[in-house]
C-alpha atoms as a PDB file:
ATOM      1  CA  MET A   1     -82.514 -44.447 -16.376  1.00  0.00           C
ATOM      2  CA  ILE A   2     -84.194 -42.816 -13.116  1.00  0.00           C
ATOM      3  CA  ALA A   3     -81.305 -41.748 -10.731  1.00  0.00           C
ATOM      4  CA  TYR A   4     -82.513 -40.647  -7.028  1.00  0.00           C
ATOM      5  CA  SER A   5     -81.002 -38.947  -4.089  1.00  0.00           C
ATOM      6  CA  LEU A   6     -82.057 -39.383  -0.551  1.00  0.00           C
ATOM      7  CA  GLN A   7     -82.001 -36.390   1.877  1.00  0.00           C
ATOM      8  CA  LEU A   8     -82.089 -37.632   5.144  1.00  0.00           C
ATOM      9  CA  ASN A   9     -81.923 -36.513   9.012  1.00  0.00           C
ATOM     10  CA  LEU A  10     -79.733 -39.418  10.917  1.00  0.00           C
ATOM     11  CA  GLU A  11     -79.497 -40.164  14.404  1.00  0.00           C
ATOM     12  CA  LEU A  12     -75.784 -39.388  15.329  1.00  0.00           C
ATOM     13  CA  GLY A  13     -74.307 -42.918  16.215  1.00  0.00           C
ATOM     14  CA  ASN A  14     -77.857 -45.145  16.363  1.00  0.00           C
ATOM     15  CA  VAL A  15     -76.569 -47.267  13.615  1.00  0.00           C
ATOM     16  CA  GLU A  16     -79.772 -49.681  13.601  1.00  0.00           C
ATOM     17  CA  ASN A  17     -82.251 -46.743  13.236  1.00  0.00           C
ATOM     18  CA  ASN A  18     -80.521 -45.226  10.135  1.00  0.00           C
ATOM     19  CA  ILE A  19     -79.845 -47.816   8.282  1.00  0.00           C
ATOM     20  CA  LYS A  20     -83.615 -49.633   8.894  1.00  0.00           C
ATOM     21  CA  LYS A  21     -84.512 -46.061   7.410  1.00  0.00           C
ATOM     22  CA  VAL A  22     -82.352 -46.291   4.522  1.00  0.00           C
ATOM     23  CA  PHE A  23     -83.314 -50.291   3.792  1.00  0.00           C
ATOM     24  CA  ASP A  24     -86.800 -49.578   4.166  1.00  0.00           C
ATOM     25  CA  ILE A  25     -86.822 -46.944   1.290  1.00  0.00           C
ATOM     26  CA  LEU A  26     -84.510 -48.569  -0.913  1.00  0.00           C
ATOM     27  CA  LYS A  27     -87.094 -51.579  -0.734  1.00  0.00           C
ATOM     28  CA  SER A  28     -89.968 -49.869  -1.014  1.00  0.00           C
ATOM     29  CA  ASP A  29     -92.048 -48.787  -4.481  1.00  0.00           C
ATOM     30  CA  LYS A  30     -90.721 -45.092  -4.032  1.00  0.00           C
ATOM     31  CA  ILE A  31     -87.430 -46.491  -5.678  1.00  0.00           C
ATOM     32  CA  LYS A  32     -87.973 -48.391  -9.039  1.00  0.00           C
ATOM     33  CA  SER A  33     -85.775 -51.131 -10.161  1.00  0.00           C
ATOM     34  CA  GLU A  34     -82.720 -50.593 -12.573  1.00  0.00           C
ATOM     35  CA  SER A  35     -81.852 -47.252 -11.198  1.00  0.00           C
ATOM     36  CA  LEU A  36     -78.879 -45.404  -9.498  1.00  0.00           C
ATOM     37  CA  VAL A  37     -79.526 -44.409  -6.026  1.00  0.00           C
ATOM     38  CA  LEU A  38     -77.178 -41.898  -3.982  1.00  0.00           C
ATOM     39  CA  LEU A  39     -76.999 -41.968  -0.025  1.00  0.00           C
ATOM     40  CA  PRO A  40     -75.901 -39.427   2.404  1.00  0.00           C
ATOM     41  CA  GLU A  41     -72.206 -39.427   3.677  1.00  0.00           C
ATOM     42  CA  MET A  42     -71.680 -41.619   6.781  1.00  0.00           C
ATOM     43  CA  PHE A  43     -75.078 -42.939   6.476  1.00  0.00           C
ATOM     44  CA  SER A  44     -74.917 -45.302   9.121  1.00  0.00           C
ATOM     45  CA  CYS A  45     -73.823 -43.382  12.043  1.00  0.00           C
ATOM     46  CA  GLY A  46     -73.073 -39.614  11.168  1.00  0.00           C
ATOM     47  CA  PHE A  47     -70.168 -38.225  12.624  1.00  0.00           C
ATOM     48  CA  ASP A  48     -70.004 -40.158  15.661  1.00  0.00           C
ATOM     49  CA  ASN A  49     -66.145 -39.802  15.804  1.00  0.00           C
ATOM     50  CA  GLU A  50     -65.656 -41.123  19.167  1.00  0.00           C
ATOM     51  CA  ARG A  51     -67.041 -44.649  18.557  1.00  0.00           C
ATOM     52  CA  LEU A  52     -65.789 -44.841  15.026  1.00  0.00           C
ATOM     53  CA  LEU A  53     -64.480 -48.221  15.423  1.00  0.00           C
ATOM     54  CA  ASP A  54     -67.352 -49.921  16.969  1.00  0.00           C
ATOM     55  CA  HIS A  55     -69.432 -48.564  13.962  1.00  0.00           C
ATOM     56  CA  SER A  56     -66.846 -49.811  11.377  1.00  0.00           C
ATOM     57  CA  ARG A  57     -67.442 -53.118  12.887  1.00  0.00           C
ATOM     58  CA  LYS A  58     -71.064 -52.967  11.278  1.00  0.00           C
ATOM     59  CA  THR A  59     -69.990 -51.841   7.944  1.00  0.00           C
ATOM     60  CA  PRO A  60     -69.324 -55.406   6.514  1.00  0.00           C
ATOM     61  CA  ARG A  61     -72.845 -56.354   7.381  1.00  0.00           C
ATOM     62  CA  ILE A  62     -74.215 -53.096   5.663  1.00  0.00           C
ATOM     63  CA  TYR A  63     -72.595 -53.796   2.759  1.00  0.00           C
ATOM     64  CA  ARG A  64     -74.003 -57.563   2.480  1.00  0.00           C
ATOM     65  CA  GLU A  65     -77.709 -56.144   2.925  1.00  0.00           C
ATOM     66  CA  LEU A  66     -77.092 -53.654   0.259  1.00  0.00           C
ATOM     67  CA  GLN A  67     -75.550 -56.142  -1.760  1.00  0.00           C
ATOM     68  CA  LYS A  68     -78.861 -58.201  -1.393  1.00  0.00           C
ATOM     69  CA  ILE A  69     -80.984 -55.178  -2.191  1.00  0.00           C
ATOM     70  CA  SER A  70     -78.952 -53.899  -4.981  1.00  0.00           C
ATOM     71  CA  HIS A  71     -79.369 -57.612  -6.532  1.00  0.00           C
ATOM     72  CA  ASP A  72     -82.996 -58.183  -5.761  1.00  0.00           C
ATOM     73  CA  LYS A  73     -83.983 -55.009  -7.502  1.00  0.00           C
ATOM     74  CA  LYS A  74     -81.168 -54.497 -10.089  1.00  0.00           C
ATOM     75  CA  LEU A  75     -79.744 -51.144  -8.270  1.00  0.00           C
ATOM     76  CA  VAL A  76     -76.626 -49.366  -8.322  1.00  0.00           C
ATOM     77  CA  ILE A  77     -76.258 -48.122  -5.075  1.00  0.00           C
ATOM     78  CA  ALA A  78     -73.434 -45.362  -3.732  1.00  0.00           C
ATOM     79  CA  GLY A  79     -72.730 -43.718  -0.598  1.00  0.00           C
ATOM     80  CA  THR A  80     -69.724 -43.589   1.962  1.00  0.00           C
ATOM     81  CA  LEU A  81     -69.361 -45.614   5.291  1.00  0.00           C
ATOM     82  CA  PRO A  82     -66.835 -45.596   7.656  1.00  0.00           C
ATOM     83  CA  GLU A  83     -64.335 -48.615   7.126  1.00  0.00           C
ATOM     84  CA  ARG A  84     -61.052 -49.862   8.994  1.00  0.00           C
ATOM     85  CA  LYS A  85     -58.323 -51.048   7.351  1.00  0.00           C
ATOM     86  CA  ARG A  86     -55.448 -52.108   9.726  1.00  0.00           C
ATOM     87  CA  ASN A  87     -55.479 -49.409  12.285  1.00  0.00           C
ATOM     88  CA  ASP A  88     -56.934 -46.573  10.383  1.00  0.00           C
ATOM     89  CA  ILE A  89     -60.726 -45.723   9.663  1.00  0.00           C
ATOM     90  CA  TYR A  90     -61.558 -44.271   6.285  1.00  0.00           C
ATOM     91  CA  ASN A  91     -64.654 -42.369   5.139  1.00  0.00           C
ATOM     92  CA  MET A  92     -64.937 -44.929   2.402  1.00  0.00           C
ATOM     93  CA  GLY A  93     -67.170 -44.145  -0.862  1.00  0.00           C
ATOM     94  CA  PHE A  94     -68.505 -47.344  -2.338  1.00  0.00           C
ATOM     95  CA  VAL A  95     -70.503 -48.322  -5.286  1.00  0.00           C
ATOM     96  CA  ILE A  96     -72.491 -51.554  -5.496  1.00  0.00           C
ATOM     97  CA  ASP A  97     -73.570 -52.644  -8.784  1.00  0.00           C
ATOM     98  CA  ASN A  98     -76.422 -55.435  -9.355  1.00  0.00           C
ATOM     99  CA  GLY A  99     -75.499 -57.099  -6.089  1.00  0.00           C
ATOM    100  CA  GLU A 100     -71.567 -56.713  -6.116  1.00  0.00           C
ATOM    101  CA  ILE A 101     -69.120 -53.891  -4.698  1.00  0.00           C
ATOM    102  CA  THR A 102     -67.484 -52.777  -7.840  1.00  0.00           C
ATOM    103  CA  GLY A 103     -65.965 -49.591  -6.532  1.00  0.00           C
ATOM    104  CA  LYS A 104     -64.312 -47.870  -3.666  1.00  0.00           C
ATOM    105  CA  ARG A 105     -62.262 -44.757  -2.906  1.00  0.00           C
ATOM    106  CA  PRO A 106     -61.662 -43.291   0.697  1.00  0.00           C
ATOM    107  CA  LYS A 107     -62.290 -39.469   1.245  1.00  0.00           C
ATOM    108  CA  ILE A 108     -59.154 -37.562   0.484  1.00  0.00           C
ATOM    109  CA  LYS A 109     -59.791 -33.966   1.520  1.00  0.00           C
ATOM    110  CA  LEU A 110     -61.014 -34.186   5.312  1.00  0.00           C
ATOM    111  CA  PHE A 111     -62.946 -31.106   6.563  1.00  0.00           C
ATOM    112  CA  THR A 112     -60.515 -29.910   9.540  1.00  0.00           C
ATOM    113  CA  PRO A 113     -62.965 -27.583  11.159  1.00  0.00           C
ATOM    114  CA  THR A 114     -64.849 -30.380  12.628  1.00  0.00           C
ATOM    115  CA  ASP A 115     -61.611 -32.298  13.150  1.00  0.00           C
ATOM    116  CA  GLU A 116     -62.538 -35.173  10.829  1.00  0.00           C
ATOM    117  CA  HIS A 117     -58.472 -35.310  10.281  1.00  0.00           C
ATOM    118  CA  LYS A 118     -58.252 -36.408  14.070  1.00  0.00           C
ATOM    119  CA  TYR A 119     -60.569 -39.526  13.359  1.00  0.00           C
ATOM    120  CA  PHE A 120     -60.187 -40.318   9.785  1.00  0.00           C
ATOM    121  CA  LYS A 121     -57.042 -41.622   7.380  1.00  0.00           C
ATOM    122  CA  ALA A 122     -57.366 -39.158   4.361  1.00  0.00           C
ATOM    123  CA  GLY A 123     -57.084 -41.268   0.869  1.00  0.00           C
ATOM    124  CA  LYS A 124     -53.937 -40.058  -1.785  1.00  0.00           C
ATOM    125  CA  ASN A 125     -54.606 -38.792  -5.057  1.00  0.00           C
ATOM    126  CA  ILE A 126     -53.764 -42.098  -6.238  1.00  0.00           C
ATOM    127  CA  HIS A 127     -57.301 -43.221  -5.410  1.00  0.00           C
ATOM    128  CA  LEU A 128     -59.155 -40.583  -7.686  1.00  0.00           C
ATOM    129  CA  ASP A 129     -60.952 -43.119 -10.128  1.00  0.00           C
ATOM    130  CA  ILE A 130     -64.048 -43.734 -11.827  1.00  0.00           C
ATOM    131  CA  THR A 131     -65.990 -46.601 -11.547  1.00  0.00           C
ATOM    132  CA  GLU A 132     -67.637 -47.854 -14.541  1.00  0.00           C
ATOM    133  CA  SER A 133     -71.100 -49.427 -13.752  1.00  0.00           C
ATOM    134  CA  SER A 134     -74.639 -50.262 -15.715  1.00  0.00           C
ATOM    135  CA  ALA A 135     -75.732 -46.650 -14.566  1.00  0.00           C
ATOM    136  CA  GLY A 136     -72.527 -45.360 -16.369  1.00  0.00           C
ATOM    137  CA  ASN A 137     -68.927 -44.035 -15.738  1.00  0.00           C
ATOM    138  CA  LEU A 138     -69.333 -42.672 -11.649  1.00  0.00           C
ATOM    139  CA  GLY A 139     -66.722 -40.307 -10.027  1.00  0.00           C
ATOM    140  CA  PHE A 140     -66.771 -39.475  -6.343  1.00  0.00           C
ATOM    141  CA  MET A 141     -66.589 -35.703  -5.114  1.00  0.00           C
ATOM    142  CA  ILE A 142     -67.462 -36.661  -1.410  1.00  0.00           C
ATOM    143  CA  CYS A 143     -68.565 -33.319   0.790  1.00  0.00           C
ATOM    144  CA  PHE A 144     -65.614 -30.971   1.031  1.00  0.00           C
ATOM    145  CA  GLU A 145     -64.049 -32.186  -2.177  1.00  0.00           C
ATOM    146  CA  LEU A 146     -66.239 -30.412  -3.864  1.00  0.00           C
ATOM    147  CA  ARG A 147     -64.481 -27.411  -3.190  1.00  0.00           C
ATOM    148  CA  PHE A 148     -61.654 -28.629  -5.367  1.00  0.00           C
ATOM    149  CA  PRO A 149     -61.777 -28.347  -9.028  1.00  0.00           C
ATOM    150  CA  ASN A 150     -58.811 -30.427  -9.426  1.00  0.00           C
ATOM    151  CA  ILE A 151     -60.813 -33.379  -8.074  1.00  0.00           C
ATOM    152  CA  SER A 152     -63.443 -32.976 -11.000  1.00  0.00           C
ATOM    153  CA  TYR A 153     -60.871 -32.026 -13.575  1.00  0.00           C
ATOM    154  CA  ASN A 154     -59.171 -35.394 -13.253  1.00  0.00           C
ATOM    155  CA  LEU A 155     -62.589 -37.066 -13.131  1.00  0.00           C
ATOM    156  CA  ARG A 156     -63.444 -35.484 -16.196  1.00  0.00           C
ATOM    157  CA  LYS A 157     -59.932 -36.271 -17.715  1.00  0.00           C
ATOM    158  CA  LYS A 158     -61.353 -40.111 -16.913  1.00  0.00           C
ATOM    159  CA  ASP A 159     -64.495 -39.811 -19.215  1.00  0.00           C
ATOM    160  CA  VAL A 160     -66.981 -39.306 -15.937  1.00  0.00           C
ATOM    161  CA  GLU A 161     -70.404 -38.975 -17.197  1.00  0.00           C
ATOM    162  CA  ILE A 162     -71.940 -38.784 -13.279  1.00  0.00           C
ATOM    163  CA  ILE A 163     -70.423 -37.190 -10.289  1.00  0.00           C
ATOM    164  CA  LEU A 164     -71.498 -38.428  -7.036  1.00  0.00           C
ATOM    165  CA  VAL A 165     -71.579 -36.249  -3.977  1.00  0.00           C
ATOM    166  CA  PRO A 166     -72.634 -37.657  -0.681  1.00  0.00           C
ATOM    167  CA  ALA A 167     -72.501 -35.318   1.843  1.00  0.00           C
ATOM    168  CA  GLN A 168     -72.886 -34.072   5.492  1.00  0.00           C
ATOM    169  CA  TRP A 169     -72.757 -30.355   4.313  1.00  0.00           C
ATOM    170  CA  GLY A 170     -73.528 -27.390   6.843  1.00  0.00           C
ATOM    171  CA  LYS A 171     -76.350 -25.233   6.752  1.00  0.00           C
ATOM    172  CA  GLU A 172     -74.395 -22.029   7.148  1.00  0.00           C
ATOM    173  CA  ARG A 173     -73.084 -23.002   3.783  1.00  0.00           C
ATOM    174  CA  ALA A 174     -75.705 -23.954   1.716  1.00  0.00           C
ATOM    175  CA  GLU A 175     -75.419 -21.573  -0.645  1.00  0.00           C
ATOM    176  CA  HIS A 176     -71.724 -22.973  -1.669  1.00  0.00           C
ATOM    177  CA  LEU A 177     -73.209 -26.143  -1.985  1.00  0.00           C
ATOM    178  CA  LYS A 178     -75.647 -25.107  -4.351  1.00  0.00           C
ATOM    179  CA  ILE A 179     -73.140 -22.987  -6.310  1.00  0.00           C
ATOM    180  CA  LEU A 180     -70.020 -25.604  -6.580  1.00  0.00           C
ATOM    181  CA  SER A 181     -72.599 -28.405  -7.399  1.00  0.00           C
ATOM    182  CA  ARG A 182     -73.827 -26.545 -10.295  1.00  0.00           C
ATOM    183  CA  ALA A 183     -70.323 -25.186 -11.073  1.00  0.00           C
ATOM    184  CA  ARG A 184     -68.879 -29.085 -11.208  1.00  0.00           C
ATOM    185  CA  ALA A 185     -71.643 -29.895 -13.584  1.00  0.00           C
ATOM    186  CA  ILE A 186     -71.252 -27.141 -16.070  1.00  0.00           C
ATOM    187  CA  GLU A 187     -67.411 -27.416 -15.849  1.00  0.00           C
ATOM    188  CA  THR A 188     -67.411 -31.116 -16.320  1.00  0.00           C
ATOM    189  CA  GLN A 189     -70.419 -31.617 -18.749  1.00  0.00           C
ATOM    190  CA  SER A 190     -71.415 -34.145 -16.603  1.00  0.00           C
ATOM    191  CA  TYR A 191     -74.808 -34.998 -14.224  1.00  0.00           C
ATOM    192  CA  VAL A 192     -73.987 -34.417 -10.900  1.00  0.00           C
ATOM    193  CA  ILE A 193     -76.106 -35.790  -7.827  1.00  0.00           C
ATOM    194  CA  VAL A 194     -75.931 -34.772  -4.355  1.00  0.00           C
ATOM    195  CA  SER A 195     -76.904 -36.339  -1.233  1.00  0.00           C
ATOM    196  CA  ASN A 196     -77.063 -34.273   1.806  1.00  0.00           C
ATOM    197  CA  THR A 197     -78.209 -35.087   5.327  1.00  0.00           C
ATOM    198  CA  VAL A 198     -80.791 -32.056   6.850  1.00  0.00           C
ATOM    199  CA  GLY A 199     -81.942 -30.511   9.959  1.00  0.00           C
ATOM    200  CA  ARG A 200     -79.819 -31.042  13.477  1.00  0.00           C
ATOM    201  CA  ILE A 201     -77.718 -34.251  13.845  1.00  0.00           C
ATOM    202  CA  GLY A 202     -75.751 -34.191  17.083  1.00  0.00           C
ATOM    203  CA  ASP A 203     -74.609 -30.441  17.473  1.00  0.00           C
ATOM    204  CA  LEU A 204     -74.414 -29.552  13.803  1.00  0.00           C
ATOM    205  CA  GLU A 205     -77.554 -28.535  11.627  1.00  0.00           C
ATOM    206  CA  PHE A 206     -77.057 -29.485   7.923  1.00  0.00           C
ATOM    207  CA  ALA A 207     -77.904 -27.547   4.633  1.00  0.00           C
ATOM    208  CA  GLY A 208     -80.309 -29.813   2.782  1.00  0.00           C
ATOM    209  CA  ASN A 209     -80.490 -28.896  -0.955  1.00  0.00           C
ATOM    210  CA  SER A 210     -79.777 -32.584  -2.018  1.00  0.00           C
ATOM    211  CA  ALA A 211     -79.880 -31.780  -6.060  1.00  0.00           C
ATOM    212  CA  ILE A 212     -79.753 -33.329  -9.445  1.00  0.00           C
ATOM    213  CA  TYR A 213     -78.040 -31.090 -11.895  1.00  0.00           C
ATOM    214  CA  SER A 214     -77.915 -31.720 -15.894  1.00  0.00           C
ATOM    215  CA  PRO A 215     -74.599 -31.670 -17.786  1.00  0.00           C
ATOM    216  CA  TRP A 216     -75.685 -28.086 -18.977  1.00  0.00           C
ATOM    217  CA  GLY A 217     -76.066 -27.113 -15.257  1.00  0.00           C
ATOM    218  CA  ASP A 218     -80.005 -27.282 -14.894  1.00  0.00           C
ATOM    219  CA  ILE A 219     -81.784 -28.149 -11.870  1.00  0.00           C
ATOM    220  CA  LEU A 220     -83.480 -31.192 -12.500  1.00  0.00           C
ATOM    221  CA  ASP A 221     -84.749 -31.822  -9.126  1.00  0.00           C
ATOM    222  CA  ILE A 222     -84.148 -30.703  -5.437  1.00  0.00           C
ATOM    223  CA  GLU A 223     -85.137 -30.949  -1.949  1.00  0.00           C
ATOM    224  CA  ARG A 224     -84.086 -27.815   0.202  1.00  0.00           C
ATOM    225  CA  ASN A 225     -85.370 -28.170   3.590  1.00  0.00           C
ATOM    226  CA  GLU A 226     -87.458 -31.535   4.368  1.00  0.00           C
ATOM    227  CA  GLU A 227     -86.435 -35.450   4.590  1.00  0.00           C
ATOM    228  CA  GLY A 228     -87.219 -36.869   1.271  1.00  0.00           C
ATOM    229  CA  ILE A 229     -86.575 -38.587  -2.019  1.00  0.00           C
ATOM    230  CA  ILE A 230     -85.546 -36.365  -5.379  1.00  0.00           C
ATOM    231  CA  SER A 231     -85.482 -38.317  -8.695  1.00  0.00           C
ATOM    232  CA  ALA A 232     -84.721 -37.253 -12.280  1.00  0.00           C
ATOM    233  CA  GLU A 233     -84.221 -39.255 -15.804  1.00  0.00           C
ATOM    234  CA  ILE A 234     -80.617 -39.663 -16.679  1.00  0.00           C
ATOM    235  CA  ASP A 235     -79.891 -39.927 -20.471  1.00  0.00           C
ATOM    236  CA  LEU A 236     -76.205 -40.144 -20.819  1.00  0.00           C
ATOM    237  CA  ASP A 237     -76.774 -39.054 -24.454  1.00  0.00           C
ATOM    238  CA  GLU A 238     -77.036 -35.838 -23.335  1.00  0.00           C
ATOM    239  CA  VAL A 239     -73.671 -35.846 -21.778  1.00  0.00           C
ATOM    240  CA  TYR A 240     -71.702 -36.441 -25.257  1.00  0.00           C
ATOM    241  CA  LYS A 241     -74.357 -33.702 -26.992  1.00  0.00           C
ATOM    242  CA  ILE A 242     -73.244 -31.089 -24.461  1.00  0.00           C
ATOM    243  CA  ARG A 243     -69.664 -31.904 -25.050  1.00  0.00           C
ATOM    244  CA  SER A 244     -70.056 -32.364 -28.770  1.00  0.00           C
ATOM    245  CA  LYS A 245     -71.683 -28.424 -28.806  1.00  0.00           C
ATOM    246  CA  ILE A 246     -68.980 -27.002 -26.755  1.00  0.00           C
ATOM    247  CA  LYS A 247     -65.782 -28.738 -27.136  1.00  0.00           C
ATOM    248  CA  MET A 248     -63.377 -28.485 -24.010  1.00  0.00           C
ATOM    249  CA  GLU A 249     -59.734 -29.812 -23.780  1.00  0.00           C
ATOM    250  CA  PHE A 250     -58.877 -31.871 -20.459  1.00  0.00           C
END
């Protein structure tokens, strides 16, 4: 199976342009059928926090289009979108598998330096779970959550095989992103796929460095500073070969 990660520069608050860019890539020959595709965090609008309610109203339509693409190309598509539940907005991780939404969980650790906690409702630890999919057992570590080894520990206990990291990670912390992503792959003996934004979005500049890491911690593909698509062959047998070679108790 091939796994893809999209590294994109987004237009803050411009949902129509952002989703057109994503949909065009997903429908193109650049993405092969029967693959796994990870999209960046909040790819529809970025952190256009003052207008999240308006952006969340467009999320159901975005899900429907992603479901159609997923069905037509037999893709597993994952990312995060703003989603409203009652009076709260969540940064919602989702997995769409062959046209069906098979998993969701809200971001638990909100990044207070950019005031996420003032605009989003945080999920709870009970939301930590894996999603069984046609691509394998998937678990989210959404951006800032990458810094919390208790999350990767819990995913590993639940037999995660691929950790998905949709992100909007700041440029000044680029080295942290690379080090932490690789560490999570090594410590959980899982594939780690990072989809980050790049360039300036609003007032912030983002780190790029989207990457795919093997369960041994090898860099299978990386895009540092430009928009692009990275990919790697994923063989879940490698997960269990490494876990058999170095046994760890969880």
